[in-house]
Amino acid sequence: MANKQDQVTGRFWQARYRAVRLLDETAILACAAYFDLNPIRAAMAETIPRG
């Protein structure tokens, strides 16, 4: 329905989400830092949760 309204084809979230291959340890650590710090950047948390 959304595709019809927007006059597009394909999966609904296709353009927004895509896989990225993490080829080395530096890329993995950068991705982990991004993931862990996202709630802080979004002002949803003040610290990284432990667990």
N, C-alpha and C. Protein backbone atom coordinates (compact mmCIF):
# COMPACT_ATOMS: atom_id res chain seq x y z
N MET A 1 0.82 -1.19 0.00
CA MET A 1 0.00 0.00 0.00
C MET A 1 0.88 1.26 0.00
N ALA A 2 1.90 1.26 0.86
CA ALA A 2 2.79 2.43 0.91
C ALA A 2 3.53 2.61 -0.41
N ASN A 3 3.98 1.50 -1.01
CA ASN A 3 4.66 1.59 -2.30
C ASN A 3 3.74 2.17 -3.36
N LYS A 4 2.49 1.74 -3.33
CA LYS A 4 1.53 2.25 -4.31
C LYS A 4 1.33 3.75 -4.14
N GLN A 5 1.22 4.19 -2.90
CA GLN A 5 1.04 5.63 -2.62
C GLN A 5 2.24 6.44 -3.08
N ASP A 6 3.44 5.90 -2.85
CA ASP A 6 4.67 6.61 -3.21
C ASP A 6 5.12 6.33 -4.65
N GLN A 7 4.39 5.47 -5.32
CA GLN A 7 4.70 5.07 -6.70
C GLN A 7 6.12 4.52 -6.83
N VAL A 8 6.45 3.58 -5.94
CA VAL A 8 7.75 2.91 -5.97
C VAL A 8 7.54 1.40 -5.91
N THR A 9 8.61 0.63 -6.13
CA THR A 9 8.57 -0.82 -6.02
C THR A 9 9.65 -1.27 -5.06
N GLY A 10 9.59 -2.53 -4.66
CA GLY A 10 10.61 -3.10 -3.79
C GLY A 10 10.12 -3.24 -2.37
N ARG A 11 10.99 -3.72 -1.51
CA ARG A 11 10.67 -3.90 -0.10
C ARG A 11 10.49 -2.54 0.57
N PHE A 12 9.63 -2.49 1.58
CA PHE A 12 9.27 -1.22 2.20
C PHE A 12 10.49 -0.50 2.79
N TRP A 13 11.35 -1.20 3.53
CA TRP A 13 12.52 -0.56 4.18
C TRP A 13 13.79 -0.73 3.36
N GLN A 14 13.67 -1.14 2.13
CA GLN A 14 14.83 -1.49 1.31
C GLN A 14 15.88 -0.38 1.24
N ALA A 15 15.49 0.85 1.03
CA ALA A 15 16.47 1.93 0.88
C ALA A 15 17.07 2.36 2.20
N ARG A 16 16.35 2.14 3.30
CA ARG A 16 16.83 2.62 4.59
C ARG A 16 17.86 1.70 5.23
N TYR A 17 17.67 0.41 5.13
CA TYR A 17 18.56 -0.55 5.79
C TYR A 17 19.33 -1.34 4.75
N ARG A 18 20.62 -1.48 4.99
CA ARG A 18 21.44 -2.28 4.10
C ARG A 18 22.59 -2.90 4.91
N ALA A 19 23.05 -4.01 4.44
CA ALA A 19 24.14 -4.71 5.11
C ALA A 19 25.48 -4.10 4.72
N VAL A 20 26.37 -4.03 5.69
CA VAL A 20 27.72 -3.56 5.44
C VAL A 20 28.67 -4.60 6.03
N ARG A 21 29.58 -5.08 5.22
CA ARG A 21 30.53 -6.08 5.69
C ARG A 21 31.63 -5.40 6.50
N LEU A 22 31.86 -5.90 7.71
CA LEU A 22 32.92 -5.38 8.58
C LEU A 22 34.16 -6.25 8.34
N LEU A 23 35.14 -5.68 7.66
CA LEU A 23 36.25 -6.47 7.15
C LEU A 23 37.43 -6.63 8.09
N ASP A 24 37.53 -5.78 9.10
CA ASP A 24 38.67 -5.91 10.01
C ASP A 24 38.26 -5.50 11.42
N GLU A 25 39.17 -5.68 12.34
CA GLU A 25 38.88 -5.40 13.74
C GLU A 25 38.56 -3.92 13.97
N THR A 26 39.20 -3.02 13.26
CA THR A 26 38.93 -1.59 13.39
C THR A 26 37.48 -1.28 13.02
N ALA A 27 37.00 -1.88 11.94
CA ALA A 27 35.61 -1.66 11.51
C ALA A 27 34.63 -2.22 12.54
N ILE A 28 34.95 -3.38 13.11
CA ILE A 28 34.08 -3.98 14.12
C ILE A 28 34.02 -3.10 15.36
N LEU A 29 35.16 -2.59 15.81
CA LEU A 29 35.18 -1.72 16.99
C LEU A 29 34.45 -0.40 16.73
N ALA A 30 34.60 0.16 15.54
CA ALA A 30 33.89 1.39 15.21
C ALA A 30 32.38 1.16 15.21
N CYS A 31 31.95 0.04 14.67
CA CYS A 31 30.53 -0.29 14.64
C CYS A 31 30.00 -0.50 16.07
N ALA A 32 30.76 -1.19 16.90
CA ALA A 32 30.34 -1.43 18.28
C ALA A 32 30.24 -0.12 19.04
N ALA A 33 31.19 0.78 18.85
CA ALA A 33 31.14 2.09 19.52
C ALA A 33 29.92 2.88 19.06
N TYR A 34 29.65 2.87 17.77
CA TYR A 34 28.48 3.57 17.23
C TYR A 34 27.20 3.01 17.86
N PHE A 35 27.09 1.70 17.90
CA PHE A 35 25.91 1.04 18.45
C PHE A 35 25.74 1.36 19.94
N ASP A 36 26.82 1.27 20.70
CA ASP A 36 26.76 1.51 22.15
C ASP A 36 26.48 2.97 22.49
N LEU A 37 26.97 3.91 21.68
CA LEU A 37 26.82 5.33 22.00
C LEU A 37 25.54 5.95 21.43
N ASN A 38 24.82 5.22 20.59
CA ASN A 38 23.60 5.76 20.00
C ASN A 38 22.59 6.28 21.03
N PRO A 39 22.28 5.54 22.10
CA PRO A 39 21.31 6.05 23.08
C PRO A 39 21.79 7.34 23.76
N ILE A 40 23.10 7.48 23.91
CA ILE A 40 23.64 8.69 24.53
C ILE A 40 23.49 9.87 23.57
N ARG A 41 23.82 9.66 22.31
CA ARG A 41 23.67 10.72 21.31
C ARG A 41 22.22 11.14 21.14
N ALA A 42 21.29 10.20 21.30
CA ALA A 42 19.87 10.50 21.15
C ALA A 42 19.26 11.05 22.43
N ALA A 43 20.07 11.27 23.44
CA ALA A 43 19.62 11.77 24.75
C ALA A 43 18.59 10.85 25.38
N MET A 44 18.73 9.54 25.14
CA MET A 44 17.84 8.55 25.76
C MET A 44 18.50 7.91 26.99
N ALA A 45 19.80 8.15 27.15
CA ALA A 45 20.54 7.59 28.27
C ALA A 45 21.71 8.52 28.58
N GLU A 46 22.18 8.44 29.82
CA GLU A 46 23.35 9.23 30.21
C GLU A 46 24.62 8.40 30.23
N THR A 47 24.46 7.08 30.38
CA THR A 47 25.62 6.18 30.40
C THR A 47 25.29 4.94 29.58
N ILE A 48 26.30 4.18 29.24
CA ILE A 48 26.12 2.91 28.54
C ILE A 48 25.66 1.88 29.57
N PRO A 49 24.55 1.17 29.31
CA PRO A 49 24.10 0.16 30.27
C PRO A 49 25.08 -0.99 30.36
N ARG A 50 25.25 -1.51 31.55
CA ARG A 50 26.12 -2.68 31.75
C ARG A 50 25.27 -3.91 31.66
N GLY A 51 25.86 -4.96 31.16
CA GLY A 51 25.09 -6.20 31.14
C GLY A 51 25.60 -7.15 30.22
